[in-house]
Amino acid sequence: MINERIKQVFLRFPVIETERLQLRQPDFHDIHDIFDIYSDEEVMRYNGMDTHQSLHETRELIQWIHKMYDERKNIRWGIILKENKEYVGSCGFHHFDEHFTRAKIGYEIKRRHWRKGIASEAIQKVIEFGFHEMNLNRIEAVVDGDNEASKKLLLKLGFTYEGCLRNRFYFKDRFWHEYYFGLLKSDDEKNKSFKR
């Protein structure tokens, strides 16, 4: 049973503001920036998807993002720099459980904007939105074994490392380990109290 708060989230796409960023729904005006991200081998190394070879693939991705939102299966925010309106990445929730108490989080950032704190700033706000506006109890992240930057980011954001599933999937001619991280609403509240 979907509660009223969840219905509101999927009725009108929520825009989130941070000090430097606006988080909003990706649209077709962003297609060239999204293509730049999804055609970059370095960005896509740990994404589990093949790099885009054409704008047609990127257009299909944007259509899929909208379709998943309309079906209440996925909510993905485009990350926009306020200073110049540049689309620099995205983050959001997917794989909701049937009662919308649990979801997985995913994200990617344009390579030239790595190590600027953009992912941390955006994801922290999305986590807050998930816990307080969507009433999620648990947020999960699954990270490829070699993705050290993502592991560090999740730990910095308060996630707990919960285990490794070895050789979990086959992609690009090899098997990959998957590392599992979790953050509970109660963990997030404790972390914020500790930082005060």
Protein backbone atom coordinates (compact mmCIF):
# COMPACT_ATOMS: atom_id res chain seq x y z
CA MET A 1 0.00 0.00 0.00
CA ILE A 2 1.55 3.30 -1.11
CA ASN A 3 1.19 6.03 1.52
CA GLU A 4 0.21 9.63 0.82
CA ARG A 5 3.77 10.96 1.15
CA ILE A 6 4.99 8.59 -1.57
CA LYS A 7 2.05 9.51 -3.81
CA GLN A 8 3.00 13.19 -3.54
CA VAL A 9 6.64 12.47 -4.44
CA PHE A 10 5.53 10.69 -7.62
CA LEU A 11 2.78 13.16 -8.47
CA ARG A 12 5.05 16.14 -9.08
CA PHE A 13 8.81 15.74 -9.43
CA PRO A 14 10.47 17.26 -6.32
CA VAL A 15 13.22 19.84 -6.85
CA ILE A 16 15.93 19.93 -4.18
CA GLU A 17 18.32 22.83 -3.55
CA THR A 18 21.75 22.81 -1.89
CA GLU A 19 24.26 25.62 -1.51
CA ARG A 20 25.85 25.00 -4.93
CA LEU A 21 23.39 22.68 -6.64
CA GLN A 22 19.88 22.28 -7.94
CA LEU A 23 18.58 18.71 -8.18
CA ARG A 24 15.78 18.30 -10.71
CA GLN A 25 14.40 15.79 -13.19
CA PRO A 26 16.72 15.14 -16.17
CA ASP A 27 15.16 16.16 -19.48
CA PHE A 28 15.95 16.16 -23.18
CA HIS A 29 17.66 19.58 -22.96
CA ASP A 30 20.37 17.77 -20.95
CA ILE A 31 21.02 15.16 -23.62
CA HIS A 32 24.51 16.33 -24.63
CA ASP A 33 25.73 16.54 -21.03
CA ILE A 34 24.23 13.13 -20.24
CA PHE A 35 25.87 11.69 -23.35
CA ASP A 36 29.23 13.13 -22.22
CA ILE A 37 28.85 11.22 -18.94
CA TYR A 38 27.57 7.92 -20.34
CA SER A 39 30.06 7.83 -23.22
CA ASP A 40 33.04 8.30 -20.88
CA GLU A 41 34.79 4.97 -20.22
CA GLU A 42 36.23 6.19 -16.90
CA VAL A 43 32.86 7.32 -15.54
CA MET A 44 31.15 4.14 -16.70
CA ARG A 45 33.87 1.75 -15.54
CA TYR A 46 31.90 0.67 -12.47
CA ASN A 47 28.39 1.42 -13.72
CA GLY A 48 27.59 -2.04 -15.06
CA MET A 49 26.41 -0.59 -18.39
CA ASP A 50 28.09 -0.26 -21.76
CA THR A 51 29.17 3.24 -22.77
CA HIS A 52 26.85 5.17 -25.06
CA GLN A 53 27.90 5.34 -28.68
CA SER A 54 25.14 7.66 -29.91
CA LEU A 55 22.68 10.31 -28.78
CA HIS A 56 19.93 7.83 -29.65
CA GLU A 57 21.03 5.63 -26.72
CA THR A 58 21.06 8.66 -24.44
CA ARG A 59 17.59 9.71 -25.58
CA GLU A 60 16.33 6.20 -24.77
CA LEU A 61 17.94 6.45 -21.31
CA ILE A 62 16.14 9.75 -20.59
CA GLN A 63 12.86 8.21 -21.76
CA TRP A 64 13.46 5.22 -19.47
CA ILE A 65 14.23 7.51 -16.47
CA HIS A 66 10.88 9.29 -17.04
CA LYS A 67 9.02 5.99 -17.51
CA MET A 68 10.43 4.53 -14.28
CA TYR A 69 9.41 7.69 -12.40
CA ASP A 70 5.88 7.56 -13.85
CA GLU A 71 5.64 3.91 -12.75
CA ARG A 72 6.96 4.77 -9.24
CA LYS A 73 9.93 2.43 -9.69
CA ASN A 74 12.76 4.94 -9.76
CA ILE A 75 13.44 8.59 -8.96
CA ARG A 76 16.55 10.13 -10.50
CA TRP A 77 17.67 13.72 -9.99
CA GLY A 78 19.89 15.54 -12.45
CA ILE A 79 22.64 17.45 -10.61
CA ILE A 80 22.88 21.04 -11.89
CA LEU A 81 25.53 23.60 -10.92
CA LYS A 82 23.74 26.79 -9.92
CA GLU A 83 26.60 29.03 -11.06
CA ASN A 84 26.38 28.11 -14.75
CA LYS A 85 23.38 25.69 -15.05
CA GLU A 86 25.68 22.86 -16.17
CA TYR A 87 24.33 19.31 -15.82
CA VAL A 88 27.17 17.45 -14.06
CA GLY A 89 25.65 14.10 -13.05
CA SER A 90 22.71 12.39 -11.43
CA CYS A 91 21.71 10.49 -8.32
CA GLY A 92 18.59 8.83 -7.04
CA PHE A 93 16.70 5.86 -5.69
CA HIS A 94 15.70 2.59 -7.36
CA HIS A 95 14.63 -0.93 -6.33
CA PHE A 96 12.08 0.25 -3.79
CA ASP A 97 10.54 -2.52 -1.72
CA GLU A 98 6.77 -2.93 -2.01
CA HIS A 99 6.05 -0.78 1.05
CA PHE A 100 8.55 1.97 0.12
CA THR A 101 10.57 1.52 3.32
CA ARG A 102 13.77 0.52 1.52
CA ALA A 103 15.59 1.62 -1.65
CA LYS A 104 18.97 1.46 -3.36
CA ILE A 105 20.87 4.62 -4.22
CA GLY A 106 22.99 5.23 -7.30
CA TYR A 107 24.98 8.14 -8.71
CA GLU A 108 27.48 9.30 -11.33
CA ILE A 109 29.39 12.57 -11.88
CA LYS A 110 31.13 14.04 -14.94
CA ARG A 111 34.81 13.21 -14.70
CA ARG A 112 36.04 16.82 -14.75
CA HIS A 113 33.92 17.50 -11.66
CA TRP A 114 35.31 14.63 -9.59
CA ARG A 115 36.85 15.45 -6.19
CA LYS A 116 34.97 18.74 -5.80
CA GLY A 117 32.51 17.50 -3.18
CA ILE A 118 29.60 17.60 -5.63
CA ALA A 119 28.57 13.96 -5.18
CA SER A 120 28.74 14.26 -1.39
CA GLU A 121 26.67 17.46 -1.37
CA ALA A 122 24.00 16.07 -3.70
CA ILE A 123 23.74 12.60 -2.18
CA GLN A 124 23.49 13.92 1.38
CA LYS A 125 20.44 15.99 0.39
CA VAL A 126 18.88 13.05 -1.46
CA ILE A 127 19.41 10.85 1.61
CA GLU A 128 17.69 13.47 3.79
CA PHE A 129 14.83 13.62 1.30
CA GLY A 130 14.52 9.83 1.32
CA PHE A 131 14.38 9.56 5.09
CA HIS A 132 12.25 12.61 5.87
CA GLU A 133 10.01 13.16 2.83
CA MET A 134 9.62 9.56 1.64
CA ASN A 135 9.86 8.02 5.11
CA LEU A 136 12.39 5.40 3.99
CA ASN A 137 13.83 3.33 6.82
CA ARG A 138 16.85 1.94 4.95
CA ILE A 139 18.99 3.08 2.01
CA GLU A 140 21.34 0.57 0.36
CA ALA A 141 24.27 0.94 -2.01
CA VAL A 142 25.96 -1.76 -4.05
CA VAL A 143 29.49 -0.97 -5.21
CA ASP A 144 31.85 -2.84 -7.52
CA GLY A 145 34.82 -4.26 -5.66
CA ASP A 146 37.41 -2.05 -7.36
CA ASN A 147 35.52 1.23 -6.88
CA GLU A 148 37.50 2.62 -3.94
CA ALA A 149 36.29 6.22 -4.43
CA SER A 150 32.65 5.18 -4.09
CA LYS A 151 33.37 3.07 -1.00
CA LYS A 152 35.08 6.04 0.67
CA LEU A 153 32.20 8.35 -0.25
CA LEU A 154 29.61 6.02 1.27
CA LEU A 155 31.56 5.62 4.50
CA LYS A 156 31.95 9.41 4.69
CA LEU A 157 28.17 9.75 4.34
CA GLY A 158 27.61 7.41 7.30
CA PHE A 159 26.90 4.12 5.52
CA THR A 160 28.00 0.87 7.14
CA TYR A 161 29.88 -1.75 5.13
CA GLU A 162 27.75 -4.90 5.41
CA GLY A 163 29.60 -7.47 3.33
CA CYS A 164 30.93 -8.68 0.00
CA LEU A 165 29.34 -11.07 -2.49
CA ARG A 166 32.26 -12.52 -4.41
CA ASN A 167 32.16 -12.86 -8.21
CA ARG A 168 28.57 -11.60 -8.10
CA PHE A 169 28.24 -10.67 -11.78
CA TYR A 170 30.00 -11.04 -15.12
CA PHE A 171 30.70 -7.91 -17.15
CA LYS A 172 33.38 -6.90 -19.68
CA ASP A 173 35.01 -10.33 -19.75
CA ARG A 174 35.45 -10.80 -16.02
CA PHE A 175 33.67 -11.51 -12.76
CA TRP A 176 33.22 -8.67 -10.26
CA HIS A 177 32.75 -8.65 -6.49
CA GLU A 178 29.90 -6.52 -5.12
CA TYR A 179 30.27 -4.66 -1.83
CA TYR A 180 27.10 -3.90 0.12
CA PHE A 181 26.57 -0.77 2.24
CA GLY A 182 23.54 0.25 4.28
CA LEU A 183 22.29 3.35 6.06
CA LEU A 184 19.32 3.31 8.44
CA LYS A 185 17.21 6.33 9.27
CA SER A 186 18.26 5.86 12.92
CA ASP A 187 21.96 5.79 11.87
CA ASP A 188 21.54 9.06 9.97
CA GLU A 189 19.87 10.75 12.94
CA LYS A 190 22.64 9.54 15.28
CA ASN A 191 25.34 10.77 12.90
CA LYS A 192 23.74 14.24 12.70
CA SER A 193 23.45 14.44 16.51
CA PHE A 194 27.11 13.47 16.87
CA LYS A 195 28.23 16.18 14.40
CA ARG A 196 26.33 18.98 16.22
